[in-house]
Amino acid sequence: MVLFGTKLIFVPGTEVEFAANICDDAVIMSRKFIIVPGTKKDTMQYKNPHHKKRKNTHALEVSCGKCKKPVAIYQKAGKGNLIKMLVSRVVEAEVDLENLEGHFSCPKCGLELARKGKHENKLTFWIIRGKINYKRLDNYPL
């Protein structure tokens, strides 16, 4: 098996050493798969420069409910549902949320995902219920 970014690709009938010869920069993570750097194609386009790590938080991958495209990585605190997204806690996103005019829509299918507003004088996107999916990313470095 060879891991290209986040995609897992099976190479039947080959060993890890053979797969490592494909790329000199390959890193053998275990006997079953390797990671080839620089091949991850589904990275987010915008990284938040004002993002800071906060205590007792975890990363969530927020994706469109219609086309399932990941649109943001959000740093969430607490156990509850995702009601709002503070722009200061967005780690990565497909669009620049600070300079976004209007509401937050999916860049692939155009579905409106959240409405722009303010919460305690901070720029916030209020999630429209049922329009997004999210999953917890346990191994994501914040």
N, C-alpha and C. Protein backbone atom coordinates (compact mmCIF):
# COMPACT_ATOMS: atom_id res chain seq x y z
N MET A 1 0.84 -1.18 0.00
CA MET A 1 0.00 0.00 0.00
C MET A 1 0.89 1.24 0.00
N VAL A 2 0.49 2.24 -0.74
CA VAL A 2 1.20 3.51 -0.79
C VAL A 2 0.21 4.59 -0.43
N LEU A 3 0.60 5.50 0.46
CA LEU A 3 -0.30 6.57 0.90
C LEU A 3 0.14 7.86 0.22
N PHE A 4 -0.63 8.35 -0.73
CA PHE A 4 -0.36 9.61 -1.41
C PHE A 4 -1.21 10.68 -0.74
N GLY A 5 -0.61 11.47 0.14
CA GLY A 5 -1.36 12.49 0.86
C GLY A 5 -2.37 11.83 1.78
N THR A 6 -3.65 11.91 1.44
CA THR A 6 -4.67 11.27 2.24
C THR A 6 -5.33 10.11 1.51
N LYS A 7 -4.90 9.82 0.30
CA LYS A 7 -5.48 8.74 -0.48
C LYS A 7 -4.67 7.46 -0.26
N LEU A 8 -5.34 6.37 0.01
CA LEU A 8 -4.69 5.09 0.22
C LEU A 8 -4.80 4.27 -1.05
N ILE A 9 -3.67 3.90 -1.64
CA ILE A 9 -3.65 3.19 -2.91
C ILE A 9 -2.97 1.83 -2.68
N PHE A 10 -3.63 0.75 -3.06
CA PHE A 10 -3.06 -0.59 -2.94
C PHE A 10 -2.20 -0.89 -4.16
N VAL A 11 -1.03 -1.44 -3.91
CA VAL A 11 -0.15 -1.89 -4.98
C VAL A 11 -0.03 -3.40 -4.82
N PRO A 12 -0.85 -4.18 -5.53
CA PRO A 12 -0.84 -5.63 -5.32
C PRO A 12 0.45 -6.27 -5.80
N GLY A 13 0.95 -7.22 -5.01
CA GLY A 13 2.12 -7.99 -5.39
C GLY A 13 3.44 -7.26 -5.25
N THR A 14 3.47 -6.13 -4.55
CA THR A 14 4.72 -5.40 -4.37
C THR A 14 5.06 -5.31 -2.90
N GLU A 15 6.29 -5.04 -2.63
CA GLU A 15 6.76 -4.85 -1.26
C GLU A 15 6.95 -3.36 -1.01
N VAL A 16 7.12 -3.01 0.25
CA VAL A 16 7.31 -1.61 0.63
C VAL A 16 8.59 -1.06 0.01
N GLU A 17 9.65 -1.87 -0.06
CA GLU A 17 10.92 -1.41 -0.61
C GLU A 17 10.77 -1.03 -2.08
N PHE A 18 10.00 -1.79 -2.84
CA PHE A 18 9.77 -1.47 -4.25
C PHE A 18 9.01 -0.17 -4.38
N ALA A 19 8.00 0.03 -3.54
CA ALA A 19 7.22 1.26 -3.59
C ALA A 19 8.06 2.46 -3.17
N ALA A 20 9.02 2.25 -2.25
CA ALA A 20 9.87 3.35 -1.80
C ALA A 20 10.83 3.79 -2.90
N ASN A 21 11.14 2.91 -3.84
CA ASN A 21 12.03 3.27 -4.94
C ASN A 21 11.37 4.19 -5.96
N ILE A 22 10.05 4.36 -5.89
CA ILE A 22 9.34 5.25 -6.80
C ILE A 22 9.76 6.69 -6.57
N CYS A 23 9.97 7.06 -5.33
CA CYS A 23 10.30 8.44 -4.97
C CYS A 23 11.40 8.41 -3.91
N ASP A 24 12.45 9.23 -4.08
CA ASP A 24 13.54 9.24 -3.11
C ASP A 24 13.13 9.86 -1.79
N ASP A 25 12.12 10.74 -1.79
CA ASP A 25 11.69 11.42 -0.58
C ASP A 25 10.67 10.62 0.22
N ALA A 26 10.37 9.41 -0.19
CA ALA A 26 9.34 8.62 0.47
C ALA A 26 9.78 8.27 1.89
N VAL A 27 8.85 8.31 2.80
CA VAL A 27 9.11 7.99 4.20
C VAL A 27 8.36 6.72 4.55
N ILE A 28 9.07 5.71 5.04
CA ILE A 28 8.42 4.46 5.42
C ILE A 28 7.86 4.64 6.82
N MET A 29 6.53 4.62 6.93
CA MET A 29 5.87 4.83 8.21
C MET A 29 5.70 3.51 8.96
N SER A 30 5.47 2.43 8.27
CA SER A 30 5.39 1.10 8.87
C SER A 30 5.68 0.11 7.75
N ARG A 31 5.55 -1.16 8.04
CA ARG A 31 5.84 -2.17 7.02
C ARG A 31 4.72 -2.26 5.98
N LYS A 32 3.59 -1.61 6.23
CA LYS A 32 2.44 -1.77 5.34
C LYS A 32 2.25 -0.61 4.38
N PHE A 33 2.69 0.59 4.70
CA PHE A 33 2.49 1.71 3.78
C PHE A 33 3.60 2.74 3.93
N ILE A 34 3.73 3.59 2.93
CA ILE A 34 4.68 4.69 2.96
C ILE A 34 3.96 5.98 2.60
N ILE A 35 4.56 7.10 2.94
CA ILE A 35 4.01 8.40 2.59
C ILE A 35 4.97 9.07 1.61
N VAL A 36 4.45 9.50 0.49
CA VAL A 36 5.24 10.22 -0.51
C VAL A 36 4.89 11.69 -0.38
N PRO A 37 5.81 12.54 0.10
CA PRO A 37 5.48 13.95 0.32
C PRO A 37 5.28 14.70 -0.99
N GLY A 38 4.49 15.76 -0.91
CA GLY A 38 4.26 16.62 -2.06
C GLY A 38 3.24 16.10 -3.04
N THR A 39 2.51 15.04 -2.70
CA THR A 39 1.54 14.50 -3.64
C THR A 39 0.12 14.69 -3.15
N LYS A 40 -0.07 15.38 -2.05
CA LYS A 40 -1.42 15.59 -1.52
C LYS A 40 -2.12 16.63 -2.39
N LYS A 41 -3.18 16.25 -3.05
CA LYS A 41 -3.85 17.13 -4.00
C LYS A 41 -5.06 17.83 -3.42
N ASP A 42 -5.55 17.37 -2.27
CA ASP A 42 -6.79 17.94 -1.76
C ASP A 42 -6.53 18.83 -0.54
N THR A 43 -5.48 19.65 -0.57
CA THR A 43 -5.24 20.58 0.52
C THR A 43 -6.14 21.80 0.33
N MET A 44 -6.43 22.46 1.42
CA MET A 44 -7.26 23.66 1.38
C MET A 44 -6.43 24.82 0.81
N GLN A 45 -7.08 25.74 0.12
CA GLN A 45 -6.38 26.82 -0.55
C GLN A 45 -5.98 27.94 0.40
N TYR A 46 -6.76 28.18 1.44
CA TYR A 46 -6.51 29.32 2.33
C TYR A 46 -6.15 28.82 3.72
N LYS A 47 -5.01 29.25 4.23
CA LYS A 47 -4.62 28.94 5.60
C LYS A 47 -4.73 30.22 6.41
N ASN A 48 -5.40 30.15 7.55
CA ASN A 48 -5.65 31.32 8.38
C ASN A 48 -4.36 31.75 9.07
N PRO A 49 -3.83 32.95 8.77
CA PRO A 49 -2.59 33.39 9.41
C PRO A 49 -2.78 33.81 10.87
N HIS A 50 -4.02 34.08 11.28
CA HIS A 50 -4.30 34.53 12.64
C HIS A 50 -4.69 33.39 13.57
N HIS A 51 -4.61 32.15 13.10
CA HIS A 51 -5.02 31.00 13.89
C HIS A 51 -4.06 30.77 15.05
N LYS A 52 -4.61 30.49 16.24
CA LYS A 52 -3.82 30.16 17.42
C LYS A 52 -4.37 28.89 18.04
N LYS A 53 -3.48 28.07 18.57
CA LYS A 53 -3.90 26.85 19.26
C LYS A 53 -4.54 27.23 20.59
N ARG A 54 -5.70 26.63 20.88
CA ARG A 54 -6.39 26.87 22.13
C ARG A 54 -6.50 25.56 22.90
N LYS A 55 -6.58 25.67 24.21
CA LYS A 55 -6.68 24.47 25.06
C LYS A 55 -8.01 23.77 24.87
N ASN A 56 -7.98 22.46 25.08
CA ASN A 56 -9.18 21.62 25.09
C ASN A 56 -10.02 21.78 23.83
N THR A 57 -9.37 21.77 22.69
CA THR A 57 -10.08 21.86 21.41
C THR A 57 -9.68 20.67 20.55
N HIS A 58 -10.47 20.41 19.53
CA HIS A 58 -10.17 19.36 18.56
C HIS A 58 -10.51 19.87 17.17
N ALA A 59 -9.92 19.23 16.18
CA ALA A 59 -10.13 19.64 14.79
C ALA A 59 -11.35 18.94 14.20
N LEU A 60 -12.13 19.69 13.44
CA LEU A 60 -13.28 19.15 12.70
C LEU A 60 -13.08 19.44 11.22
N GLU A 61 -13.37 18.45 10.40
CA GLU A 61 -13.41 18.67 8.96
C GLU A 61 -14.85 18.96 8.59
N VAL A 62 -15.12 20.17 8.13
CA VAL A 62 -16.47 20.60 7.74
C VAL A 62 -16.60 20.40 6.24
N SER A 63 -17.64 19.68 5.82
CA SER A 63 -17.83 19.41 4.40
C SER A 63 -19.26 19.74 3.98
N CYS A 64 -19.44 19.93 2.69
CA CYS A 64 -20.75 20.24 2.13
C CYS A 64 -21.67 19.03 2.29
N GLY A 65 -22.91 19.27 2.66
CA GLY A 65 -23.87 18.19 2.84
C GLY A 65 -24.37 17.61 1.54
N LYS A 66 -24.24 18.35 0.45
CA LYS A 66 -24.75 17.88 -0.85
C LYS A 66 -23.68 17.13 -1.64
N CYS A 67 -22.53 17.77 -1.87
CA CYS A 67 -21.50 17.15 -2.71
C CYS A 67 -20.37 16.52 -1.90
N LYS A 68 -20.38 16.68 -0.58
CA LYS A 68 -19.40 16.07 0.35
C LYS A 68 -17.98 16.60 0.18
N LYS A 69 -17.80 17.75 -0.44
CA LYS A 69 -16.47 18.33 -0.59
C LYS A 69 -16.06 19.00 0.72
N PRO A 70 -14.86 18.70 1.25
CA PRO A 70 -14.39 19.40 2.46
C PRO A 70 -14.18 20.88 2.17
N VAL A 71 -14.76 21.74 3.01
CA VAL A 71 -14.66 23.18 2.78
C VAL A 71 -13.85 23.89 3.85
N ALA A 72 -13.67 23.28 5.03
CA ALA A 72 -12.92 23.95 6.09
C ALA A 72 -12.45 22.94 7.14
N ILE A 73 -11.37 23.31 7.83
CA ILE A 73 -10.92 22.62 9.03
C ILE A 73 -11.12 23.62 10.16
N TYR A 74 -11.90 23.22 11.17
CA TYR A 74 -12.30 24.13 12.24
C TYR A 74 -11.82 23.59 13.58
N GLN A 75 -11.38 24.47 14.45
CA GLN A 75 -10.92 24.11 15.79
C GLN A 75 -12.07 24.32 16.77
N LYS A 76 -12.70 23.22 17.19
CA LYS A 76 -13.90 23.30 18.02
C LYS A 76 -13.59 22.96 19.46
N ALA A 77 -14.26 23.68 20.35
CA ALA A 77 -14.16 23.41 21.78
C ALA A 77 -15.49 22.84 22.26
N GLY A 78 -15.45 21.92 23.17
CA GLY A 78 -16.68 21.37 23.74
C GLY A 78 -17.20 20.16 23.00
N LYS A 79 -18.29 19.58 23.57
CA LYS A 79 -18.84 18.34 23.04
C LYS A 79 -20.07 18.54 22.18
N GLY A 80 -20.62 19.72 22.12
CA GLY A 80 -21.89 19.94 21.44
C GLY A 80 -21.79 19.97 19.93
N ASN A 81 -22.93 20.19 19.31
CA ASN A 81 -23.00 20.28 17.85
C ASN A 81 -22.35 21.57 17.35
N LEU A 82 -22.05 21.60 16.08
CA LEU A 82 -21.46 22.79 15.46
C LEU A 82 -22.59 23.74 15.07
N ILE A 83 -22.73 24.84 15.80
CA ILE A 83 -23.78 25.82 15.58
C ILE A 83 -23.25 27.01 14.80
N LYS A 84 -22.05 27.45 15.17
CA LYS A 84 -21.44 28.62 14.52
C LYS A 84 -19.95 28.36 14.36
N MET A 85 -19.37 29.04 13.39
CA MET A 85 -17.93 28.95 13.15
C MET A 85 -17.33 30.34 13.31
N LEU A 86 -16.52 30.52 14.35
CA LEU A 86 -15.78 31.76 14.51
C LEU A 86 -14.63 31.76 13.50
N VAL A 87 -14.46 32.83 12.78
CA VAL A 87 -13.43 32.89 11.74
C VAL A 87 -12.04 32.77 12.35
N SER A 88 -11.85 33.24 13.58
CA SER A 88 -10.55 33.15 14.23
C SER A 88 -10.16 31.71 14.56
N ARG A 89 -11.11 30.79 14.59
CA ARG A 89 -10.82 29.39 14.89
C ARG A 89 -10.76 28.50 13.65
N VAL A 90 -10.96 29.06 12.48
CA VAL A 90 -10.83 28.29 11.24
C VAL A 90 -9.34 28.13 10.95
N VAL A 91 -8.89 26.89 10.84
CA VAL A 91 -7.48 26.61 10.58
C VAL A 91 -7.19 26.72 9.09
N GLU A 92 -7.99 26.05 8.26
CA GLU A 92 -7.86 26.08 6.81
C GLU A 92 -9.24 26.16 6.21
N ALA A 93 -9.33 26.74 5.01
CA ALA A 93 -10.62 26.80 4.31
C ALA A 93 -10.37 26.86 2.81
N GLU A 94 -11.40 26.54 2.06
CA GLU A 94 -11.32 26.61 0.60
C GLU A 94 -11.40 28.05 0.11
N VAL A 95 -12.00 28.95 0.89
CA VAL A 95 -12.12 30.36 0.52
C VAL A 95 -11.62 31.20 1.69
N ASP A 96 -11.24 32.45 1.41
CA ASP A 96 -10.81 33.38 2.46
C ASP A 96 -12.05 33.87 3.19
N LEU A 97 -12.28 33.36 4.38
CA LEU A 97 -13.51 33.68 5.11
C LEU A 97 -13.52 35.10 5.66
N GLU A 98 -12.35 35.67 5.95
CA GLU A 98 -12.30 37.03 6.48
C GLU A 98 -12.74 38.06 5.45
N ASN A 99 -12.40 37.85 4.21
CA ASN A 99 -12.72 38.82 3.15
C ASN A 99 -13.88 38.38 2.29
N LEU A 100 -14.64 37.39 2.74
CA LEU A 100 -15.76 36.87 1.95
C LEU A 100 -16.93 37.84 2.00
N GLU A 101 -17.45 38.18 0.84
CA GLU A 101 -18.63 39.04 0.75
C GLU A 101 -19.86 38.15 0.78
N GLY A 102 -20.77 38.41 1.67
CA GLY A 102 -22.00 37.63 1.73
C GLY A 102 -21.84 36.35 2.53
N HIS A 103 -22.65 35.36 2.20
CA HIS A 103 -22.72 34.13 2.97
C HIS A 103 -21.70 33.11 2.47
N PHE A 104 -21.46 32.07 3.28
CA PHE A 104 -20.49 31.02 2.99
C PHE A 104 -21.17 29.93 2.17
N SER A 105 -20.70 29.73 0.94
CA SER A 105 -21.27 28.73 0.04
C SER A 105 -20.20 27.72 -0.35
N CYS A 106 -20.65 26.55 -0.77
CA CYS A 106 -19.74 25.50 -1.23
C CYS A 106 -19.10 25.95 -2.55
N PRO A 107 -17.77 25.88 -2.67
CA PRO A 107 -17.13 26.30 -3.92
C PRO A 107 -17.39 25.36 -5.08
N LYS A 108 -17.79 24.12 -4.80
CA LYS A 108 -18.02 23.15 -5.87
C LYS A 108 -19.45 23.20 -6.40
N CYS A 109 -20.45 23.11 -5.50
CA CYS A 109 -21.85 23.03 -5.97
C CYS A 109 -22.64 24.31 -5.73
N GLY A 110 -22.10 25.27 -4.96
CA GLY A 110 -22.78 26.54 -4.76
C GLY A 110 -23.85 26.54 -3.68
N LEU A 111 -24.00 25.47 -2.92
CA LEU A 111 -24.99 25.40 -1.85
C LEU A 111 -24.61 26.34 -0.71
N GLU A 112 -25.56 27.14 -0.23
CA GLU A 112 -25.31 28.05 0.88
C GLU A 112 -25.20 27.24 2.17
N LEU A 113 -24.05 27.33 2.84
CA LEU A 113 -23.77 26.52 4.03
C LEU A 113 -23.95 27.28 5.33
N ALA A 114 -23.62 28.58 5.34
CA ALA A 114 -23.67 29.36 6.57
C ALA A 114 -23.93 30.82 6.25
N ARG A 115 -24.50 31.52 7.22
CA ARG A 115 -24.78 32.95 7.07
C ARG A 115 -23.79 33.76 7.89
N LYS A 116 -23.36 34.87 7.32
CA LYS A 116 -22.38 35.73 7.96
C LYS A 116 -23.03 36.57 9.05
N GLY A 117 -22.33 36.73 10.16
CA GLY A 117 -22.84 37.55 11.24
C GLY A 117 -21.74 37.86 12.24
N LYS A 118 -22.14 38.38 13.40
CA LYS A 118 -21.19 38.70 14.46
C LYS A 118 -21.65 38.06 15.76
N HIS A 119 -20.70 37.61 16.55
CA HIS A 119 -20.96 37.07 17.88
C HIS A 119 -19.89 37.62 18.80
N GLU A 120 -20.29 38.41 19.80
CA GLU A 120 -19.37 39.08 20.72
C GLU A 120 -18.31 39.88 19.96
N ASN A 121 -18.75 40.62 18.95
CA ASN A 121 -17.91 41.47 18.09
C ASN A 121 -16.84 40.70 17.33
N LYS A 122 -17.07 39.42 17.08
CA LYS A 122 -16.16 38.61 16.27
C LYS A 122 -16.92 38.11 15.05
N LEU A 123 -16.23 38.10 13.90
CA LEU A 123 -16.84 37.63 12.66
C LEU A 123 -17.17 36.14 12.80
N THR A 124 -18.42 35.79 12.50
CA THR A 124 -18.92 34.44 12.72
C THR A 124 -19.78 34.01 11.54
N PHE A 125 -19.74 32.73 11.23
CA PHE A 125 -20.64 32.15 10.25
C PHE A 125 -21.58 31.20 10.98
N TRP A 126 -22.89 31.50 10.93
CA TRP A 126 -23.91 30.69 11.58
C TRP A 126 -24.32 29.57 10.62
N ILE A 127 -24.14 28.34 11.05
CA ILE A 127 -24.38 27.16 10.21
C ILE A 127 -25.88 27.01 9.95
N ILE A 128 -26.24 26.74 8.70
CA ILE A 128 -27.62 26.41 8.35
C ILE A 128 -27.79 24.92 8.61
N ARG A 129 -28.75 24.59 9.45
CA ARG A 129 -28.92 23.22 9.91
C ARG A 129 -29.20 22.26 8.74
N GLY A 130 -28.47 21.16 8.71
CA GLY A 130 -28.65 20.13 7.69
C GLY A 130 -27.87 20.37 6.41
N LYS A 131 -27.15 21.48 6.30
CA LYS A 131 -26.42 21.79 5.07
C LYS A 131 -24.97 21.33 5.10
N ILE A 132 -24.45 20.98 6.28
CA ILE A 132 -23.05 20.56 6.38
C ILE A 132 -22.96 19.20 7.06
N ASN A 133 -21.84 18.54 6.80
CA ASN A 133 -21.43 17.35 7.54
C ASN A 133 -20.10 17.69 8.19
N TYR A 134 -19.81 17.07 9.32
CA TYR A 134 -18.51 17.27 9.92
C TYR A 134 -18.07 15.99 10.60
N LYS A 135 -16.75 15.84 10.66
CA LYS A 135 -16.18 14.70 11.36
C LYS A 135 -14.95 15.16 12.12
N ARG A 136 -14.70 14.50 13.23
CA ARG A 136 -13.58 14.84 14.09
C ARG A 136 -12.29 14.26 13.50
N LEU A 137 -11.25 15.07 13.49
CA LEU A 137 -9.93 14.65 13.01
C LEU A 137 -9.02 14.51 14.22
N ASP A 138 -8.83 13.28 14.69
CA ASP A 138 -8.06 13.06 15.91
C ASP A 138 -6.57 13.29 15.72
N ASN A 139 -6.03 12.98 14.56
CA ASN A 139 -4.59 13.07 14.34
C ASN A 139 -4.17 14.34 13.61
N TYR A 140 -5.04 15.34 13.56
CA TYR A 140 -4.72 16.57 12.85
C TYR A 140 -3.91 17.49 13.78
N PRO A 141 -2.72 17.94 13.35
CA PRO A 141 -1.93 18.83 14.22
C PRO A 141 -2.47 20.25 14.19
N LEU A 142 -2.87 20.76 15.34
CA LEU A 142 -3.37 22.14 15.41
C LEU A 142 -2.26 23.05 15.73
